[in-house]
Amino acid sequence: MITVTCTREPFDHVSLYQAFLQREDDSSGTVVLHHGRVKRPGKQIANFSSVELRPLVADPEASLAGIARLAIDKFGVHQVLIAHRLGTLAAGDSVLLAIVSATSRGPAFDACAWIVDQIKKEDIIELIERA
């Protein structure tokens, strides 16, 4: 199962995790979660005032769902959830939530790390630091 959302509104990572768990069955032995936040100092501007996250593709949710499908095929995981913020964010704001479940920890950790790496290539959503 794949759940993907891109939103300009803050997301409730705890509620998303609880909903993810409700869709699980007893075949999953591991759930891995990556909760990405805007960190300071920035990559380009050490003391930025905000960051702008904007899509580089017409349908970022479809692109993220494609990454999730590839992760399921590549790692054999059961379920993937990706939530990504868009718009203007400040340091400390939640920017990305990736949750993966699998029978065992190896594929779950590998898939979650792979998903985050694919998203961070910034060919779907661009992050621009503002002074």
C-alpha atoms as a PDB file:
ATOM      1  CA  MET A   1       0.000   0.000   0.000  1.00  0.00           C
ATOM      2  CA  ILE A   2       1.205   3.483  -0.871  1.00  0.00           C
ATOM      3  CA  THR A   3       0.132   6.752   0.744  1.00  0.00           C
ATOM      4  CA  VAL A   4       1.559  10.022  -0.579  1.00  0.00           C
ATOM      5  CA  THR A   5       0.710  13.604   0.213  1.00  0.00           C
ATOM      6  CA  CYS A   6       2.233  16.980  -0.588  1.00  0.00           C
ATOM      7  CA  THR A   7       0.811  19.825   1.446  1.00  0.00           C
ATOM      8  CA  ARG A   8       1.385  23.483   2.219  1.00  0.00           C
ATOM      9  CA  GLU A   9      -0.067  22.905   5.678  1.00  0.00           C
ATOM     10  CA  PRO A  10       1.882  21.401   8.583  1.00  0.00           C
ATOM     11  CA  PHE A  11       1.274  17.677   8.896  1.00  0.00           C
ATOM     12  CA  ASP A  12       0.692  15.761  12.102  1.00  0.00           C
ATOM     13  CA  HIS A  13       3.387  13.089  11.962  1.00  0.00           C
ATOM     14  CA  VAL A  14       1.926  11.236  14.974  1.00  0.00           C
ATOM     15  CA  SER A  15      -1.524  10.918  13.369  1.00  0.00           C
ATOM     16  CA  LEU A  16       0.021   9.819  10.072  1.00  0.00           C
ATOM     17  CA  TYR A  17       2.040   7.156  11.899  1.00  0.00           C
ATOM     18  CA  GLN A  18      -1.024   5.937  13.811  1.00  0.00           C
ATOM     19  CA  ALA A  19      -3.031   5.671  10.568  1.00  0.00           C
ATOM     20  CA  PHE A  20      -0.102   3.812   8.957  1.00  0.00           C
ATOM     21  CA  LEU A  21      -0.078   1.290  11.814  1.00  0.00           C
ATOM     22  CA  GLN A  22      -3.829   0.733  11.501  1.00  0.00           C
ATOM     23  CA  ARG A  23      -3.290  -0.436   7.911  1.00  0.00           C
ATOM     24  CA  GLU A  24      -0.629  -2.970   8.970  1.00  0.00           C
ATOM     25  CA  ASP A  25      -1.164  -6.677   9.461  1.00  0.00           C
ATOM     26  CA  ASP A  26       0.825  -9.231  11.439  1.00  0.00           C
ATOM     27  CA  SER A  27       3.217  -9.948   8.545  1.00  0.00           C
ATOM     28  CA  SER A  28       5.191  -6.769   9.286  1.00  0.00           C
ATOM     29  CA  GLY A  29       7.917  -7.181  11.862  1.00  0.00           C
ATOM     30  CA  THR A  30       9.485  -3.740  11.434  1.00  0.00           C
ATOM     31  CA  VAL A  31       8.308  -0.202  10.815  1.00  0.00           C
ATOM     32  CA  VAL A  32      10.978   2.401  10.056  1.00  0.00           C
ATOM     33  CA  LEU A  33      10.272   6.131  10.110  1.00  0.00           C
ATOM     34  CA  HIS A  34      12.284   9.105   8.874  1.00  0.00           C
ATOM     35  CA  HIS A  35      11.057  12.480  10.145  1.00  0.00           C
ATOM     36  CA  GLY A  36      12.979  15.207   8.314  1.00  0.00           C
ATOM     37  CA  ARG A  37      13.046  18.742   9.639  1.00  0.00           C
ATOM     38  CA  VAL A  38      14.467  21.995   8.281  1.00  0.00           C
ATOM     39  CA  LYS A  39      17.864  22.376   9.918  1.00  0.00           C
ATOM     40  CA  ARG A  40      20.127  25.322  10.522  1.00  0.00           C
ATOM     41  CA  PRO A  41      22.727  26.212   9.400  1.00  0.00           C
ATOM     42  CA  GLY A  42      21.521  25.845   5.839  1.00  0.00           C
ATOM     43  CA  LYS A  43      23.435  24.399   2.921  1.00  0.00           C
ATOM     44  CA  GLN A  44      23.808  27.736   1.074  1.00  0.00           C
ATOM     45  CA  ILE A  45      22.910  30.359   3.706  1.00  0.00           C
ATOM     46  CA  ALA A  46      24.035  29.564   7.245  1.00  0.00           C
ATOM     47  CA  ASN A  47      21.477  31.755   9.006  1.00  0.00           C
ATOM     48  CA  PHE A  48      18.565  31.694   6.546  1.00  0.00           C
ATOM     49  CA  SER A  49      15.254  33.321   7.433  1.00  0.00           C
ATOM     50  CA  SER A  50      13.114  30.712   5.697  1.00  0.00           C
ATOM     51  CA  VAL A  51      13.188  28.014   3.053  1.00  0.00           C
ATOM     52  CA  GLU A  52      10.904  27.699   0.073  1.00  0.00           C
ATOM     53  CA  LEU A  53       9.914  24.230  -1.100  1.00  0.00           C
ATOM     54  CA  ARG A  54       8.435  24.217  -4.576  1.00  0.00           C
ATOM     55  CA  PRO A  55       7.627  21.409  -6.970  1.00  0.00           C
ATOM     56  CA  LEU A  56       9.753  20.990 -10.068  1.00  0.00           C
ATOM     57  CA  VAL A  57       7.209  18.669 -11.695  1.00  0.00           C
ATOM     58  CA  ALA A  58       3.530  19.134 -12.516  1.00  0.00           C
ATOM     59  CA  ASP A  59       2.389  16.390 -10.126  1.00  0.00           C
ATOM     60  CA  PRO A  60       4.845  15.884  -7.251  1.00  0.00           C
ATOM     61  CA  GLU A  61       2.537  13.390  -5.526  1.00  0.00           C
ATOM     62  CA  ALA A  62       2.628  11.137  -8.604  1.00  0.00           C
ATOM     63  CA  SER A  63       6.431  11.366  -8.713  1.00  0.00           C
ATOM     64  CA  LEU A  64       6.707  10.510  -5.020  1.00  0.00           C
ATOM     65  CA  ALA A  65       4.274   7.618  -5.506  1.00  0.00           C
ATOM     66  CA  GLY A  66       6.565   6.370  -8.271  1.00  0.00           C
ATOM     67  CA  ILE A  67       9.469   6.339  -5.810  1.00  0.00           C
ATOM     68  CA  ALA A  68       7.304   4.438  -3.326  1.00  0.00           C
ATOM     69  CA  ARG A  69       6.354   1.837  -5.980  1.00  0.00           C
ATOM     70  CA  LEU A  70      10.010   1.370  -6.901  1.00  0.00           C
ATOM     71  CA  ALA A  71      10.874   0.870  -3.211  1.00  0.00           C
ATOM     72  CA  ILE A  72       8.196  -1.800  -2.863  1.00  0.00           C
ATOM     73  CA  ASP A  73       9.501  -3.589  -5.959  1.00  0.00           C
ATOM     74  CA  LYS A  74      13.196  -3.172  -5.107  1.00  0.00           C
ATOM     75  CA  PHE A  75      13.102  -4.008  -1.382  1.00  0.00           C
ATOM     76  CA  GLY A  76       9.926  -6.081  -1.026  1.00  0.00           C
ATOM     77  CA  VAL A  77       8.456  -3.831   1.648  1.00  0.00           C
ATOM     78  CA  HIS A  78       4.774  -3.951   2.551  1.00  0.00           C
ATOM     79  CA  GLN A  79       3.708  -0.350   2.900  1.00  0.00           C
ATOM     80  CA  VAL A  80       5.149   3.116   2.185  1.00  0.00           C
ATOM     81  CA  LEU A  81       3.941   6.506   3.344  1.00  0.00           C
ATOM     82  CA  ILE A  82       5.514   9.751   2.126  1.00  0.00           C
ATOM     83  CA  ALA A  83       4.357  13.177   3.321  1.00  0.00           C
ATOM     84  CA  HIS A  84       6.223  16.230   2.001  1.00  0.00           C
ATOM     85  CA  ARG A  85       5.696  19.897   2.764  1.00  0.00           C
ATOM     86  CA  LEU A  86       5.600  22.617   0.143  1.00  0.00           C
ATOM     87  CA  GLY A  87       5.717  26.380   0.557  1.00  0.00           C
ATOM     88  CA  THR A  88       7.572  28.543   3.064  1.00  0.00           C
ATOM     89  CA  LEU A  89       9.035  26.850   6.137  1.00  0.00           C
ATOM     90  CA  ALA A  90      11.214  27.932   9.057  1.00  0.00           C
ATOM     91  CA  ALA A  91      14.045  26.146  10.815  1.00  0.00           C
ATOM     92  CA  GLY A  92      12.679  23.245  12.844  1.00  0.00           C
ATOM     93  CA  ASP A  93       9.553  22.761  10.717  1.00  0.00           C
ATOM     94  CA  SER A  94       8.712  19.252   9.544  1.00  0.00           C
ATOM     95  CA  VAL A  95       9.500  18.856   5.857  1.00  0.00           C
ATOM     96  CA  LEU A  96       9.403  15.095   5.146  1.00  0.00           C
ATOM     97  CA  LEU A  97       7.909  12.009   6.705  1.00  0.00           C
ATOM     98  CA  ALA A  98       8.760   8.633   5.199  1.00  0.00           C
ATOM     99  CA  ILE A  99       7.436   5.463   6.823  1.00  0.00           C
ATOM    100  CA  VAL A 100       8.144   1.941   5.586  1.00  0.00           C
ATOM    101  CA  SER A 101       7.073  -1.477   6.867  1.00  0.00           C
ATOM    102  CA  ALA A 102       8.564  -4.859   6.036  1.00  0.00           C
ATOM    103  CA  THR A 103       8.837  -8.391   7.329  1.00  0.00           C
ATOM    104  CA  SER A 104      12.272  -7.653   8.799  1.00  0.00           C
ATOM    105  CA  ARG A 105      14.435  -4.660   9.621  1.00  0.00           C
ATOM    106  CA  GLY A 106      16.989  -4.931   6.800  1.00  0.00           C
ATOM    107  CA  PRO A 107      14.625  -4.227   3.921  1.00  0.00           C
ATOM    108  CA  ALA A 108      12.704  -1.630   5.961  1.00  0.00           C
ATOM    109  CA  PHE A 109      15.822   0.390   6.828  1.00  0.00           C
ATOM    110  CA  ASP A 110      17.272   0.023   3.320  1.00  0.00           C
ATOM    111  CA  ALA A 111      14.021   1.081   1.645  1.00  0.00           C
ATOM    112  CA  CYS A 112      13.484   4.061   3.926  1.00  0.00           C
ATOM    113  CA  ALA A 113      17.035   5.324   3.377  1.00  0.00           C
ATOM    114  CA  TRP A 114      16.714   4.785  -0.375  1.00  0.00           C
ATOM    115  CA  ILE A 115      13.401   6.693  -0.499  1.00  0.00           C
ATOM    116  CA  VAL A 116      14.883   9.664   1.374  1.00  0.00           C
ATOM    117  CA  ASP A 117      17.945   9.660  -0.906  1.00  0.00           C
ATOM    118  CA  GLN A 118      15.743   9.638  -4.015  1.00  0.00           C
ATOM    119  CA  ILE A 119      13.643  12.534  -2.718  1.00  0.00           C
ATOM    120  CA  LYS A 120      16.701  14.567  -1.651  1.00  0.00           C
ATOM    121  CA  LYS A 121      18.057  14.535  -5.201  1.00  0.00           C
ATOM    122  CA  GLU A 122      15.768  17.583  -5.515  1.00  0.00           C
ATOM    123  CA  ASP A 123      14.496  16.781  -8.990  1.00  0.00           C
ATOM    124  CA  ILE A 124      10.906  16.604  -7.700  1.00  0.00           C
ATOM    125  CA  ILE A 125      10.842  19.290  -5.017  1.00  0.00           C
ATOM    126  CA  GLU A 126      13.373  22.105  -4.835  1.00  0.00           C
ATOM    127  CA  LEU A 127      14.520  23.687  -1.564  1.00  0.00           C
ATOM    128  CA  ILE A 128      15.616  27.332  -1.741  1.00  0.00           C
ATOM    129  CA  GLU A 129      17.035  29.110   1.305  1.00  0.00           C
ATOM    130  CA  ARG A 130      16.041  32.756   1.773  1.00  0.00           C
ATOM    131  CA  ALA A 131      18.261  35.295   3.534  1.00  0.00           C
END
